[in-house]
Amino acid sequence: MTQDIWTVIFVIAVLLGLIGLMTLGWRNRSRSQAGLFGDLPAPPADPGEIVLGPLSGVYIGSTIAGDWQARIARPPLGHRSAGTLTAHTDGLRLDLADATIWIPRADLVDVRRASALANKTVPGGGILVARWQVTGADGRTLVDSGFRADDKDGYPRWETLRGDAAPTPDTDSTTEEKQ
């Protein structure tokens, strides 16, 4: 009986240690990315006419453009969530369970398909990725935000969307696309 109690205590201690290390890693990632962002754009009262959508599905998360595994830790960009994606004349709106992400047309570079983003991989380009820019203390940073729709038949129309922001030459494609 005593050995069983010590085994349970050991397993609980290891699990708590792992959870603590994961929390510490997420907090350190948040600190290292603090200079990338100012305030995220707030959704406007009038986002313009609906161009496409709404498209229901799952928001995968956001990464630094060019590195599909460099997940952004800042809420709400870093958290997966069910949601809807709608394209308006003035930008893209992601309505999530607990937040709204607004990507102004002036900051949008393009929309494309990818097979991997934010440590999630799916076959056949099943993730719709919007590349956009944010400005913070460190200057301009390109971000890839992914959305996996319930109905992927409309992806070709979404891929025609272009924003007013220009891509930088060194981040025209993600690391995953280059391999």
C-alpha atoms as a PDB file:
ATOM      1  CA  MET A   1       0.000   0.000   0.000  1.00  0.00           C
ATOM      2  CA  THR A   2       2.783   2.442   0.842  1.00  0.00           C
ATOM      3  CA  GLN A   3       4.484   1.848  -2.507  1.00  0.00           C
ATOM      4  CA  ASP A   4       1.221   2.609  -4.338  1.00  0.00           C
ATOM      5  CA  ILE A   5       0.846   5.923  -2.506  1.00  0.00           C
ATOM      6  CA  TRP A   6       4.420   6.960  -3.353  1.00  0.00           C
ATOM      7  CA  THR A   7       3.873   6.001  -7.000  1.00  0.00           C
ATOM      8  CA  VAL A   8       0.748   8.160  -7.176  1.00  0.00           C
ATOM      9  CA  ILE A   9       2.536  11.067  -5.480  1.00  0.00           C
ATOM     10  CA  PHE A  10       5.459  10.734  -7.916  1.00  0.00           C
ATOM     11  CA  VAL A  11       3.178  10.676 -10.986  1.00  0.00           C
ATOM     12  CA  ILE A  12       1.241  13.720  -9.746  1.00  0.00           C
ATOM     13  CA  ALA A  13       4.493  15.588  -9.055  1.00  0.00           C
ATOM     14  CA  VAL A  14       5.793  14.819 -12.566  1.00  0.00           C
ATOM     15  CA  LEU A  15       2.515  15.967 -14.157  1.00  0.00           C
ATOM     16  CA  LEU A  16       2.486  19.192 -12.140  1.00  0.00           C
ATOM     17  CA  GLY A  17       6.122  19.794 -13.102  1.00  0.00           C
ATOM     18  CA  LEU A  18       5.330  19.324 -16.805  1.00  0.00           C
ATOM     19  CA  ILE A  19       2.341  21.657 -16.614  1.00  0.00           C
ATOM     20  CA  GLY A  20       4.506  24.235 -14.845  1.00  0.00           C
ATOM     21  CA  LEU A  21       7.196  23.994 -17.538  1.00  0.00           C
ATOM     22  CA  MET A  22       4.613  24.395 -20.318  1.00  0.00           C
ATOM     23  CA  THR A  23       3.158  27.458 -18.594  1.00  0.00           C
ATOM     24  CA  LEU A  24       6.627  28.931 -18.158  1.00  0.00           C
ATOM     25  CA  GLY A  25       7.416  28.322 -21.842  1.00  0.00           C
ATOM     26  CA  TRP A  26       4.182  29.995 -22.979  1.00  0.00           C
ATOM     27  CA  ARG A  27       4.860  32.976 -20.693  1.00  0.00           C
ATOM     28  CA  ASN A  28       8.420  33.320 -22.022  1.00  0.00           C
ATOM     29  CA  ARG A  29       7.144  33.175 -25.603  1.00  0.00           C
ATOM     30  CA  SER A  30       4.647  35.933 -24.775  1.00  0.00           C
ATOM     31  CA  ARG A  31       7.426  38.094 -23.346  1.00  0.00           C
ATOM     32  CA  SER A  32       9.709  37.538 -26.334  1.00  0.00           C
ATOM     33  CA  GLN A  33       6.884  38.546 -28.698  1.00  0.00           C
ATOM     34  CA  ALA A  34       5.835  41.609 -26.685  1.00  0.00           C
ATOM     35  CA  GLY A  35       7.570  44.048 -29.053  1.00  0.00           C
ATOM     36  CA  LEU A  36       5.910  42.599 -32.153  1.00  0.00           C
ATOM     37  CA  PHE A  37       2.490  44.035 -31.397  1.00  0.00           C
ATOM     38  CA  GLY A  38       0.905  47.245 -30.375  1.00  0.00           C
ATOM     39  CA  ASP A  39      -2.830  47.058 -29.927  1.00  0.00           C
ATOM     40  CA  LEU A  40      -4.590  44.761 -32.365  1.00  0.00           C
ATOM     41  CA  PRO A  41      -6.982  46.561 -34.723  1.00  0.00           C
ATOM     42  CA  ALA A  42     -10.489  46.901 -33.303  1.00  0.00           C
ATOM     43  CA  PRO A  43     -13.407  45.879 -35.512  1.00  0.00           C
ATOM     44  CA  PRO A  44     -15.009  48.980 -37.043  1.00  0.00           C
ATOM     45  CA  ALA A  45     -18.650  49.854 -36.477  1.00  0.00           C
ATOM     46  CA  ASP A  46     -19.194  49.538 -40.244  1.00  0.00           C
ATOM     47  CA  PRO A  47     -16.825  46.988 -41.831  1.00  0.00           C
ATOM     48  CA  GLY A  48     -18.327  47.530 -45.270  1.00  0.00           C
ATOM     49  CA  GLU A  49     -20.259  45.204 -47.539  1.00  0.00           C
ATOM     50  CA  ILE A  50     -19.890  41.440 -47.113  1.00  0.00           C
ATOM     51  CA  VAL A  51     -17.774  40.120 -49.986  1.00  0.00           C
ATOM     52  CA  LEU A  52     -17.512  36.444 -48.927  1.00  0.00           C
ATOM     53  CA  GLY A  53     -18.879  34.330 -46.120  1.00  0.00           C
ATOM     54  CA  PRO A  54     -19.643  33.893 -43.394  1.00  0.00           C
ATOM     55  CA  LEU A  55     -17.627  30.671 -43.354  1.00  0.00           C
ATOM     56  CA  SER A  56     -17.887  28.480 -40.242  1.00  0.00           C
ATOM     57  CA  GLY A  57     -15.030  26.361 -38.954  1.00  0.00           C
ATOM     58  CA  VAL A  58     -12.079  26.404 -36.572  1.00  0.00           C
ATOM     59  CA  TYR A  59      -9.565  29.199 -36.104  1.00  0.00           C
ATOM     60  CA  ILE A  60      -6.220  27.356 -36.002  1.00  0.00           C
ATOM     61  CA  GLY A  61      -4.044  30.138 -34.624  1.00  0.00           C
ATOM     62  CA  SER A  62      -1.451  32.604 -35.867  1.00  0.00           C
ATOM     63  CA  THR A  63       2.279  32.352 -36.493  1.00  0.00           C
ATOM     64  CA  ILE A  64       5.094  34.635 -37.539  1.00  0.00           C
ATOM     65  CA  ALA A  65       4.999  34.588 -41.360  1.00  0.00           C
ATOM     66  CA  GLY A  66       7.561  32.252 -42.856  1.00  0.00           C
ATOM     67  CA  ASP A  67       7.638  29.848 -39.893  1.00  0.00           C
ATOM     68  CA  TRP A  68       4.548  27.671 -39.591  1.00  0.00           C
ATOM     69  CA  GLN A  69       5.605  26.458 -36.124  1.00  0.00           C
ATOM     70  CA  ALA A  70       6.300  29.869 -34.518  1.00  0.00           C
ATOM     71  CA  ARG A  71       2.904  30.192 -32.837  1.00  0.00           C
ATOM     72  CA  ILE A  72       2.009  33.620 -31.519  1.00  0.00           C
ATOM     73  CA  ALA A  73       1.259  33.466 -27.808  1.00  0.00           C
ATOM     74  CA  ARG A  74      -0.774  36.670 -27.533  1.00  0.00           C
ATOM     75  CA  PRO A  75      -4.511  36.247 -26.939  1.00  0.00           C
ATOM     76  CA  PRO A  76      -6.664  35.914 -28.977  1.00  0.00           C
ATOM     77  CA  LEU A  77      -4.185  35.111 -31.778  1.00  0.00           C
ATOM     78  CA  GLY A  78      -2.613  32.155 -29.989  1.00  0.00           C
ATOM     79  CA  HIS A  79      -5.705  30.175 -29.040  1.00  0.00           C
ATOM     80  CA  ARG A  80      -7.678  27.727 -31.173  1.00  0.00           C
ATOM     81  CA  SER A  81     -11.391  28.353 -31.253  1.00  0.00           C
ATOM     82  CA  ALA A  82     -14.544  27.633 -33.185  1.00  0.00           C
ATOM     83  CA  GLY A  83     -15.551  30.639 -35.222  1.00  0.00           C
ATOM     84  CA  THR A  84     -16.721  32.253 -38.421  1.00  0.00           C
ATOM     85  CA  LEU A  85     -14.718  34.075 -41.062  1.00  0.00           C
ATOM     86  CA  THR A  86     -16.276  36.876 -43.095  1.00  0.00           C
ATOM     87  CA  ALA A  87     -14.671  39.016 -45.797  1.00  0.00           C
ATOM     88  CA  HIS A  88     -15.861  42.618 -45.936  1.00  0.00           C
ATOM     89  CA  THR A  89     -14.824  45.385 -48.312  1.00  0.00           C
ATOM     90  CA  ASP A  90     -12.725  46.917 -45.509  1.00  0.00           C
ATOM     91  CA  GLY A  91     -11.098  43.704 -44.200  1.00  0.00           C
ATOM     92  CA  LEU A  92     -11.481  40.223 -42.742  1.00  0.00           C
ATOM     93  CA  ARG A  93     -13.447  39.520 -39.582  1.00  0.00           C
ATOM     94  CA  LEU A  94     -12.885  36.407 -37.481  1.00  0.00           C
ATOM     95  CA  ASP A  95     -15.606  35.974 -34.872  1.00  0.00           C
ATOM     96  CA  LEU A  96     -14.323  33.538 -32.256  1.00  0.00           C
ATOM     97  CA  ALA A  97     -15.990  32.103 -29.168  1.00  0.00           C
ATOM     98  CA  ASP A  98     -14.489  34.727 -26.857  1.00  0.00           C
ATOM     99  CA  ALA A  99     -13.028  37.430 -29.115  1.00  0.00           C
ATOM    100  CA  THR A 100     -13.092  39.064 -32.530  1.00  0.00           C
ATOM    101  CA  ILE A 101     -10.027  39.439 -34.733  1.00  0.00           C
ATOM    102  CA  TRP A 102     -10.182  42.227 -37.316  1.00  0.00           C
ATOM    103  CA  ILE A 103      -7.680  42.266 -40.185  1.00  0.00           C
ATOM    104  CA  PRO A 104      -7.974  45.614 -41.995  1.00  0.00           C
ATOM    105  CA  ARG A 105      -7.663  45.545 -45.774  1.00  0.00           C
ATOM    106  CA  ALA A 106      -4.758  48.003 -45.457  1.00  0.00           C
ATOM    107  CA  ASP A 107      -2.839  45.369 -43.438  1.00  0.00           C
ATOM    108  CA  LEU A 108      -3.864  42.293 -45.459  1.00  0.00           C
ATOM    109  CA  VAL A 109      -1.300  40.912 -47.911  1.00  0.00           C
ATOM    110  CA  ASP A 110      -3.134  37.882 -49.314  1.00  0.00           C
ATOM    111  CA  VAL A 111      -5.156  34.751 -48.593  1.00  0.00           C
ATOM    112  CA  ARG A 112      -3.947  31.303 -49.644  1.00  0.00           C
ATOM    113  CA  ARG A 113      -4.134  27.614 -48.754  1.00  0.00           C
ATOM    114  CA  ALA A 114      -1.592  25.752 -46.649  1.00  0.00           C
ATOM    115  CA  SER A 115      -1.182  22.255 -45.275  1.00  0.00           C
ATOM    116  CA  ALA A 116       0.444  23.308 -42.005  1.00  0.00           C
ATOM    117  CA  LEU A 117       0.150  26.212 -39.592  1.00  0.00           C
ATOM    118  CA  ALA A 118       0.566  26.695 -35.838  1.00  0.00           C
ATOM    119  CA  ASN A 119       1.768  23.101 -35.366  1.00  0.00           C
ATOM    120  CA  LYS A 120      -1.309  21.693 -37.100  1.00  0.00           C
ATOM    121  CA  THR A 121      -1.013  19.757 -40.338  1.00  0.00           C
ATOM    122  CA  VAL A 122      -3.832  18.709 -42.634  1.00  0.00           C
ATOM    123  CA  PRO A 123      -3.705  17.092 -46.076  1.00  0.00           C
ATOM    124  CA  GLY A 124      -4.340  18.890 -49.333  1.00  0.00           C
ATOM    125  CA  GLY A 125      -4.083  22.518 -48.308  1.00  0.00           C
ATOM    126  CA  GLY A 126      -6.991  22.336 -45.886  1.00  0.00           C
ATOM    127  CA  ILE A 127      -6.087  25.513 -43.994  1.00  0.00           C
ATOM    128  CA  LEU A 128      -7.051  28.942 -45.310  1.00  0.00           C
ATOM    129  CA  VAL A 129      -4.226  31.330 -44.343  1.00  0.00           C
ATOM    130  CA  ALA A 130      -4.482  35.117 -44.267  1.00  0.00           C
ATOM    131  CA  ARG A 131      -1.110  36.892 -44.301  1.00  0.00           C
ATOM    132  CA  TRP A 132      -1.274  40.347 -42.736  1.00  0.00           C
ATOM    133  CA  GLN A 133       0.949  42.855 -41.005  1.00  0.00           C
ATOM    134  CA  VAL A 134       1.022  44.191 -37.471  1.00  0.00           C
ATOM    135  CA  THR A 135       3.102  47.073 -36.201  1.00  0.00           C
ATOM    136  CA  GLY A 136       4.739  47.190 -32.805  1.00  0.00           C
ATOM    137  CA  ALA A 137       7.841  48.466 -31.048  1.00  0.00           C
ATOM    138  CA  ASP A 138       9.954  46.140 -33.220  1.00  0.00           C
ATOM    139  CA  GLY A 139       8.477  47.578 -36.436  1.00  0.00           C
ATOM    140  CA  ARG A 140       6.390  45.781 -39.048  1.00  0.00           C
ATOM    141  CA  THR A 141       5.831  42.035 -38.633  1.00  0.00           C
ATOM    142  CA  LEU A 142       4.000  39.753 -41.036  1.00  0.00           C
ATOM    143  CA  VAL A 143       1.606  37.271 -39.437  1.00  0.00           C
ATOM    144  CA  ASP A 144      -0.089  34.178 -40.869  1.00  0.00           C
ATOM    145  CA  SER A 145      -3.526  33.444 -39.362  1.00  0.00           C
ATOM    146  CA  GLY A 146      -5.154  30.114 -40.206  1.00  0.00           C
ATOM    147  CA  PHE A 147      -8.765  29.018 -40.471  1.00  0.00           C
ATOM    148  CA  ARG A 148     -10.014  25.497 -41.266  1.00  0.00           C
ATOM    149  CA  ALA A 149     -13.497  25.769 -42.711  1.00  0.00           C
ATOM    150  CA  ASP A 150     -16.240  23.184 -42.423  1.00  0.00           C
ATOM    151  CA  ASP A 151     -16.893  23.595 -46.169  1.00  0.00           C
ATOM    152  CA  LYS A 152     -13.684  23.859 -48.175  1.00  0.00           C
ATOM    153  CA  ASP A 153     -15.394  24.150 -51.579  1.00  0.00           C
ATOM    154  CA  GLY A 154     -15.300  27.950 -51.347  1.00  0.00           C
ATOM    155  CA  TYR A 155     -11.527  28.158 -50.796  1.00  0.00           C
ATOM    156  CA  PRO A 156     -10.715  29.164 -54.407  1.00  0.00           C
ATOM    157  CA  ARG A 157     -12.871  32.307 -54.072  1.00  0.00           C
ATOM    158  CA  TRP A 158     -11.170  33.210 -50.788  1.00  0.00           C
ATOM    159  CA  GLU A 159      -7.744  32.796 -52.393  1.00  0.00           C
ATOM    160  CA  THR A 160      -8.524  35.635 -54.807  1.00  0.00           C
ATOM    161  CA  LEU A 161      -8.645  38.141 -51.922  1.00  0.00           C
ATOM    162  CA  ARG A 162      -5.779  40.609 -51.860  1.00  0.00           C
ATOM    163  CA  GLY A 163      -5.122  43.411 -49.452  1.00  0.00           C
ATOM    164  CA  ASP A 164      -3.330  46.717 -49.767  1.00  0.00           C
ATOM    165  CA  ALA A 165      -0.187  45.687 -47.818  1.00  0.00           C
ATOM    166  CA  ALA A 166       2.833  44.643 -49.854  1.00  0.00           C
ATOM    167  CA  PRO A 167       4.678  41.406 -49.043  1.00  0.00           C
ATOM    168  CA  THR A 168       8.345  41.529 -48.161  1.00  0.00           C
ATOM    169  CA  PRO A 169      10.699  39.579 -50.454  1.00  0.00           C
ATOM    170  CA  ASP A 170      12.006  37.249 -47.736  1.00  0.00           C
ATOM    171  CA  THR A 171       8.569  36.021 -46.560  1.00  0.00           C
ATOM    172  CA  ASP A 172       6.706  35.332 -49.791  1.00  0.00           C
ATOM    173  CA  SER A 173       6.017  31.756 -48.688  1.00  0.00           C
ATOM    174  CA  THR A 174       6.055  29.827 -45.459  1.00  0.00           C
ATOM    175  CA  THR A 175       8.848  27.510 -44.401  1.00  0.00           C
ATOM    176  CA  GLU A 176       6.432  24.622 -44.926  1.00  0.00           C
ATOM    177  CA  GLU A 177       5.809  25.699 -48.528  1.00  0.00           C
ATOM    178  CA  LYS A 178       9.535  25.987 -49.307  1.00  0.00           C
ATOM    179  CA  GLN A 179      10.309  22.394 -48.297  1.00  0.00           C
END
